[in-house]
Structures are given as structure tokens and as C-alpha cells.
Amino acid sequence: MSNGNRMITAASDNENRLGIASWYYSASLTF
């Protein structure tokens, strides 16, 4: 994860937490 993405995540953690979780889930299925 790049610093830019980390800063965005920190800025709106509650909003992004679910999105990141779903992305991780999709990535785990892909890879």
C-alpha cells in the first residue's frame, strides 16, 4: 500500500474500512 492510499484511509477510516475489506477479499480470490 502506498503512502497516498494510507493517508486517504486514515482521513476517512470508518468510510474506507469496509471498502478495503471487500477489496482484500476480492484480491484473495483473484490471487
PDB file of N, CA and C in Angstrom:
ATOM      1  N   MET A   1       0.838  -1.197   0.000  1.00  0.00           N
ATOM      2  CA  MET A   1       0.000   0.000   0.000  1.00  0.00           C
ATOM      3  C   MET A   1       0.872   1.246   0.000  1.00  0.00           C
ATOM      4  N   SER A   2       0.559   2.159  -0.881  1.00  0.00           N
ATOM      5  CA  SER A   2       1.359   3.379  -0.979  1.00  0.00           C
ATOM      6  C   SER A   2       1.000   4.357   0.131  1.00  0.00           C
ATOM      7  N   ASN A   3       1.894   5.321   0.372  1.00  0.00           N
ATOM      8  CA  ASN A   3       1.637   6.329   1.401  1.00  0.00           C
ATOM      9  C   ASN A   3       0.370   7.122   1.090  1.00  0.00           C
ATOM     10  N   GLY A   4       0.128   7.407  -0.186  1.00  0.00           N
ATOM     11  CA  GLY A   4      -1.069   8.150  -0.575  1.00  0.00           C
ATOM     12  C   GLY A   4      -2.336   7.426  -0.149  1.00  0.00           C
ATOM     13  N   ASN A   5      -2.398   6.124  -0.429  1.00  0.00           N
ATOM     14  CA  ASN A   5      -3.572   5.353  -0.028  1.00  0.00           C
ATOM     15  C   ASN A   5      -3.706   5.298   1.484  1.00  0.00           C
ATOM     16  N   ARG A   6      -2.577   5.198   2.178  1.00  0.00           N
ATOM     17  CA  ARG A   6      -2.596   5.164   3.634  1.00  0.00           C
ATOM     18  C   ARG A   6      -3.170   6.457   4.194  1.00  0.00           C
ATOM     19  N   MET A   7      -2.784   7.586   3.627  1.00  0.00           N
ATOM     20  CA  MET A   7      -3.269   8.878   4.109  1.00  0.00           C
ATOM     21  C   MET A   7      -4.775   8.996   3.871  1.00  0.00           C
ATOM     22  N   ILE A   8      -5.233   8.548   2.705  1.00  0.00           N
ATOM     23  CA  ILE A   8      -6.671   8.586   2.405  1.00  0.00           C
ATOM     24  C   ILE A   8      -7.432   7.708   3.394  1.00  0.00           C
ATOM     25  N   THR A   9      -6.892   6.538   3.668  1.00  0.00           N
ATOM     26  CA  THR A   9      -7.533   5.614   4.609  1.00  0.00           C
ATOM     27  C   THR A   9      -7.614   6.231   6.001  1.00  0.00           C
ATOM     28  N   ALA A  10      -6.535   6.862   6.431  1.00  0.00           N
ATOM     29  CA  ALA A  10      -6.503   7.482   7.751  1.00  0.00           C
ATOM     30  C   ALA A  10      -7.481   8.651   7.828  1.00  0.00           C
ATOM     31  N   ALA A  11      -7.649   9.359   6.711  1.00  0.00           N
ATOM     32  CA  ALA A  11      -8.512  10.536   6.686  1.00  0.00           C
ATOM     33  C   ALA A  11      -9.985  10.160   6.843  1.00  0.00           C
ATOM     34  N   SER A  12     -10.387   9.018   6.312  1.00  0.00           N
ATOM     35  CA  SER A  12     -11.795   8.596   6.409  1.00  0.00           C
ATOM     36  C   SER A  12     -11.864   7.098   6.687  1.00  0.00           C
ATOM     37  N   ASP A  13     -11.289   6.709   7.813  1.00  0.00           N
ATOM     38  CA  ASP A  13     -11.106   5.295   8.140  1.00  0.00           C
ATOM     39  C   ASP A  13     -12.426   4.535   8.195  1.00  0.00           C
ATOM     40  N   ASN A  14     -13.408   5.101   8.877  1.00  0.00           N
ATOM     41  CA  ASN A  14     -14.693   4.415   9.014  1.00  0.00           C
ATOM     42  C   ASN A  14     -15.327   4.152   7.657  1.00  0.00           C
ATOM     43  N   GLU A  15     -15.232   5.117   6.756  1.00  0.00           N
ATOM     44  CA  GLU A  15     -15.833   5.002   5.433  1.00  0.00           C
ATOM     45  C   GLU A  15     -15.102   3.980   4.580  1.00  0.00           C
ATOM     46  N   ASN A  16     -13.774   3.940   4.701  1.00  0.00           N
ATOM     47  CA  ASN A  16     -12.970   3.095   3.822  1.00  0.00           C
ATOM     48  C   ASN A  16     -12.761   1.675   4.340  1.00  0.00           C
ATOM     49  N   ARG A  17     -12.977   1.448   5.628  1.00  0.00           N
ATOM     50  CA  ARG A  17     -12.676   0.144   6.225  1.00  0.00           C
ATOM     51  C   ARG A  17     -13.400  -0.983   5.496  1.00  0.00           C
ATOM     52  N   LEU A  18     -14.684  -0.796   5.233  1.00  0.00           N
ATOM     53  CA  LEU A  18     -15.457  -1.833   4.560  1.00  0.00           C
ATOM     54  C   LEU A  18     -14.994  -2.005   3.118  1.00  0.00           C
ATOM     55  N   GLY A  19     -14.707  -0.890   2.448  1.00  0.00           N
ATOM     56  CA  GLY A  19     -14.238  -0.957   1.069  1.00  0.00           C
ATOM     57  C   GLY A  19     -12.919  -1.708   0.960  1.00  0.00           C
ATOM     58  N   ILE A  20     -12.004  -1.446   1.887  1.00  0.00           N
ATOM     59  CA  ILE A  20     -10.705  -2.126   1.885  1.00  0.00           C
ATOM     60  C   ILE A  20     -10.894  -3.608   2.200  1.00  0.00           C
ATOM     61  N   ALA A  21     -11.788  -3.912   3.137  1.00  0.00           N
ATOM     62  CA  ALA A  21     -12.049  -5.308   3.484  1.00  0.00           C
ATOM     63  C   ALA A  21     -12.579  -6.065   2.272  1.00  0.00           C
ATOM     64  N   SER A  22     -13.510  -5.454   1.538  1.00  0.00           N
ATOM     65  CA  SER A  22     -14.071  -6.112   0.359  1.00  0.00           C
ATOM     66  C   SER A  22     -13.030  -6.227  -0.744  1.00  0.00           C
ATOM     67  N   TRP A  23     -12.157  -5.213  -0.877  1.00  0.00           N
ATOM     68  CA  TRP A  23     -11.078  -5.274  -1.868  1.00  0.00           C
ATOM     69  C   TRP A  23     -10.116  -6.405  -1.524  1.00  0.00           C
ATOM     70  N   TYR A  24      -9.775  -6.515  -0.262  1.00  0.00           N
ATOM     71  CA  TYR A  24      -8.874  -7.582   0.187  1.00  0.00           C
ATOM     72  C   TYR A  24      -9.481  -8.947  -0.100  1.00  0.00           C
ATOM     73  N   TYR A  25     -10.778  -9.079   0.160  1.00  0.00           N
ATOM     74  CA  TYR A  25     -11.470 -10.337  -0.094  1.00  0.00           C
ATOM     75  C   TYR A  25     -11.428 -10.676  -1.582  1.00  0.00           C
ATOM     76  N   SER A  26     -11.722  -9.690  -2.432  1.00  0.00           N
ATOM     77  CA  SER A  26     -11.677  -9.898  -3.880  1.00  0.00           C
ATOM     78  C   SER A  26     -10.268 -10.245  -4.333  1.00  0.00           C
ATOM     79  N   ALA A  27      -9.271  -9.559  -3.775  1.00  0.00           N
ATOM     80  CA  ALA A  27      -7.877  -9.816  -4.137  1.00  0.00           C
ATOM     81  C   ALA A  27      -7.470 -11.226  -3.729  1.00  0.00           C
ATOM     82  N   SER A  28      -7.935 -11.678  -2.577  1.00  0.00           N
ATOM     83  CA  SER A  28      -7.580 -13.023  -2.114  1.00  0.00           C
ATOM     84  C   SER A  28      -8.196 -14.079  -3.030  1.00  0.00           C
ATOM     85  N   LEU A  29      -9.356 -13.797  -3.573  1.00  0.00           N
ATOM     86  CA  LEU A  29      -9.972 -14.726  -4.520  1.00  0.00           C
ATOM     87  C   LEU A  29      -9.212 -14.728  -5.841  1.00  0.00           C
ATOM     88  N   THR A  30      -8.716 -13.554  -6.247  1.00  0.00           N
ATOM     89  CA  THR A  30      -8.005 -13.418  -7.517  1.00  0.00           C
ATOM     90  C   THR A  30      -6.614 -14.025  -7.434  1.00  0.00           C
ATOM     91  N   PHE A  31      -5.896 -13.720  -6.358  1.00  0.00           N
ATOM     92  CA  PHE A  31      -4.528 -14.204  -6.196  1.00  0.00           C
ATOM     93  C   PHE A  31      -4.526 -15.391  -5.252  1.00  0.00           C
TER      94      PHE A  31
END
